[in-house]
Amino acid sequence: MIGGEVRAPGKYRTSGQAHLRDAIFLAGGVAPDASLDSAQLFRTQADGTMKILSVNLAEALAGNPVDNLLLEPRDRLLVHRNAAKVDPATVYVKGEVAKPGRYPLTTNMHVEDLIRVGGGLKRSADPVKADLTRYAEGDLPRTATESIPIELSAAMSGNPAKISC
């Protein structure tokens, strides 16, 4: 059985020895959102217990014998979704802006871009200073890794020394 991010998940019968790469081929290949870093193979042992084997799917598809395992009857393969493709990086704009919220994080984003996507500063905002807080990616609960004081007037005036996000 092959499940997860393949084009045609389901049960497949083989006429003999099949490797993990063969099973992916039978299932129509990996889906566009598949993660190639890791897949799990659930194997039922002779004593009825289940064993989980993690493989590097990219290496298995390339034919690397360490990851392109020989499948056994009743094996189940799970191909995961690539979280970065499904849930792209975002930035939260909070505080004294017109439209606080979650926005896509783009490359080379600057403080002035954050203020623009947040709808601009409210009249009640401090036009001189702000704080930029960075969080470690993937940590739950989120842990602040860096807090940077920002001179808003310099950042908004196109100062080349402005901070990138």
Protein backbone atom coordinates (compact mmCIF):
# COMPACT_ATOMS: atom_id res chain seq x y z
CA MET A 1 0.00 0.00 0.00
CA ILE A 2 1.29 3.44 -0.93
CA GLY A 3 -0.21 6.57 0.60
CA GLY A 4 0.41 10.26 0.87
CA GLU A 5 1.90 12.48 -1.80
CA VAL A 6 1.92 10.17 -4.81
CA ARG A 7 -0.20 10.65 -7.92
CA ALA A 8 -2.27 7.47 -7.43
CA PRO A 9 -2.24 6.23 -3.82
CA GLY A 10 -3.53 2.72 -3.23
CA LYS A 11 -2.72 -0.98 -3.02
CA TYR A 12 -0.48 -2.47 -5.69
CA ARG A 13 0.48 -6.08 -6.42
CA THR A 14 3.83 -6.96 -7.91
CA SER A 15 4.92 -10.02 -9.80
CA GLY A 16 8.05 -10.51 -7.77
CA GLN A 17 10.69 -8.50 -6.03
CA ALA A 18 9.88 -4.81 -5.98
CA HIS A 19 11.91 -2.00 -4.53
CA LEU A 20 10.65 1.23 -3.03
CA ARG A 21 11.39 3.10 -6.28
CA ASP A 22 9.29 0.55 -8.21
CA ALA A 23 6.36 1.12 -5.85
CA ILE A 24 6.54 4.88 -6.39
CA PHE A 25 6.55 4.26 -10.14
CA LEU A 26 3.46 2.00 -9.84
CA ALA A 27 1.70 4.80 -7.93
CA GLY A 28 2.32 7.22 -10.82
CA GLY A 29 5.31 8.93 -9.25
CA VAL A 30 5.48 11.51 -6.51
CA ALA A 31 2.98 14.37 -6.43
CA PRO A 32 4.22 17.95 -6.98
CA ASP A 33 3.94 18.73 -3.24
CA ALA A 34 5.84 15.63 -2.10
CA SER A 35 8.74 15.94 0.27
CA LEU A 36 11.77 14.12 -1.07
CA ASP A 37 13.67 14.36 2.23
CA SER A 38 11.96 11.56 4.08
CA ALA A 39 9.34 8.85 3.67
CA GLN A 40 8.31 6.14 6.09
CA LEU A 41 7.98 2.45 5.39
CA PHE A 42 5.74 0.60 7.87
CA ARG A 43 6.77 -3.04 7.94
CA THR A 44 4.91 -5.82 9.74
CA GLN A 45 7.40 -8.21 11.34
CA ALA A 46 6.98 -12.01 11.47
CA ASP A 47 5.89 -11.74 15.13
CA GLY A 48 3.11 -9.27 14.20
CA THR A 49 4.84 -6.15 15.52
CA MET A 50 5.27 -3.12 13.31
CA LYS A 51 8.61 -1.52 12.47
CA ILE A 52 9.00 1.94 10.95
CA LEU A 53 11.87 2.57 8.55
CA SER A 54 12.68 6.14 7.48
CA VAL A 55 14.25 6.58 4.06
CA ASN A 56 15.55 9.49 2.03
CA LEU A 57 13.05 9.41 -0.82
CA ALA A 58 15.27 11.34 -3.24
CA GLU A 59 18.06 8.80 -2.71
CA ALA A 60 15.63 5.88 -3.10
CA LEU A 61 14.33 7.31 -6.38
CA ALA A 62 17.93 7.72 -7.55
CA GLY A 63 18.47 4.00 -6.90
CA ASN A 64 20.68 4.27 -3.82
CA PRO A 65 20.52 0.74 -2.31
CA VAL A 66 20.58 2.09 1.26
CA ASP A 67 17.24 3.87 0.73
CA ASN A 68 15.75 1.94 -2.22
CA LEU A 69 14.65 -0.92 0.03
CA LEU A 70 13.34 -4.24 -1.17
CA LEU A 71 9.65 -4.33 -0.27
CA GLU A 72 8.03 -7.17 1.61
CA PRO A 73 4.40 -8.32 1.61
CA ARG A 74 2.12 -6.03 3.69
CA ASP A 75 4.62 -3.13 3.66
CA ARG A 76 3.02 0.31 3.69
CA LEU A 77 4.80 3.37 2.31
CA LEU A 78 3.90 6.91 3.36
CA VAL A 79 5.19 9.85 1.30
CA HIS A 80 4.89 13.16 3.14
CA ARG A 81 3.92 16.59 1.88
CA ASN A 82 6.62 19.26 1.60
CA ALA A 83 5.54 21.78 4.23
CA ALA A 84 7.42 24.65 2.56
CA LYS A 85 5.35 24.24 -0.62
CA VAL A 86 2.06 23.91 1.20
CA ASP A 87 2.65 26.44 3.97
CA PRO A 88 5.10 29.01 2.62
CA ALA A 89 7.07 31.27 4.92
CA THR A 90 5.07 34.12 6.40
CA VAL A 91 5.63 37.22 8.45
CA TYR A 92 3.33 38.71 11.08
CA VAL A 93 2.89 42.47 11.07
CA LYS A 94 1.56 43.56 14.45
CA GLY A 95 1.09 46.74 16.39
CA GLU A 96 0.09 50.19 15.24
CA VAL A 97 -0.54 49.48 11.56
CA ALA A 98 -3.85 49.73 9.70
CA LYS A 99 -4.10 46.02 8.83
CA PRO A 100 -2.13 43.82 11.22
CA GLY A 101 -1.94 40.22 10.12
CA ARG A 102 -0.05 37.38 8.49
CA TYR A 103 1.53 38.07 5.10
CA PRO A 104 3.79 36.11 2.70
CA LEU A 105 7.49 36.55 3.44
CA THR A 106 9.40 37.38 0.30
CA THR A 107 13.11 37.51 -0.36
CA ASN A 108 14.72 40.87 0.25
CA MET A 109 11.75 42.16 2.24
CA HIS A 110 12.51 45.36 4.16
CA VAL A 111 10.89 47.14 7.10
CA GLU A 112 9.20 49.64 4.79
CA ASP A 113 7.66 46.71 2.86
CA LEU A 114 6.26 45.29 6.10
CA ILE A 115 4.65 48.61 6.97
CA ARG A 116 3.16 48.89 3.46
CA VAL A 117 1.65 45.38 3.50
CA GLY A 118 0.27 46.19 6.96
CA GLY A 119 -1.62 49.12 5.47
CA GLY A 120 0.71 51.84 6.77
CA LEU A 121 1.18 53.29 10.23
CA LYS A 122 -1.78 54.43 12.31
CA ARG A 123 -1.77 57.99 13.62
CA SER A 124 -1.25 56.55 17.09
CA ALA A 125 1.99 54.81 16.02
CA ASP A 126 5.40 55.97 17.19
CA PRO A 127 6.95 57.20 13.92
CA VAL A 128 10.48 57.05 15.31
CA LYS A 129 11.06 53.54 16.67
CA ALA A 130 9.82 49.97 16.33
CA ASP A 131 10.95 46.46 17.15
CA LEU A 132 11.61 43.66 14.69
CA THR A 133 11.47 40.22 16.29
CA ARG A 134 12.74 37.10 14.55
CA TYR A 135 11.64 33.62 15.56
CA ALA A 136 13.28 30.25 15.06
CA GLU A 137 11.68 28.40 12.17
CA GLY A 138 9.61 25.37 13.09
CA ASP A 139 9.77 25.81 16.87
CA LEU A 140 6.50 25.42 18.74
CA PRO A 141 5.88 27.36 20.83
CA ARG A 142 7.73 30.03 18.90
CA THR A 143 10.87 31.25 20.64
CA ALA A 144 12.23 34.70 19.86
CA THR A 145 15.77 34.38 18.59
CA GLU A 146 16.50 38.05 18.00
CA SER A 147 14.86 41.39 18.76
CA ILE A 148 16.13 44.38 16.79
CA PRO A 149 15.24 48.01 17.54
CA ILE A 150 14.49 49.92 14.32
CA GLU A 151 14.57 53.60 13.47
CA LEU A 152 11.37 53.88 11.46
CA SER A 153 12.14 57.28 9.96
CA ALA A 154 15.42 55.96 8.49
CA ALA A 155 13.82 52.74 7.26
CA MET A 156 10.90 54.57 5.65
CA SER A 157 13.09 57.15 3.94
CA GLY A 158 14.93 54.56 1.85
CA ASN A 159 18.11 54.68 3.93
CA PRO A 160 20.46 52.03 2.50
CA ALA A 161 21.28 50.91 6.03
CA LYS A 162 17.69 49.80 6.59
CA ILE A 163 17.18 46.34 7.99
CA SER A 164 16.16 43.40 5.81
CA CYS A 165 13.77 40.84 7.26
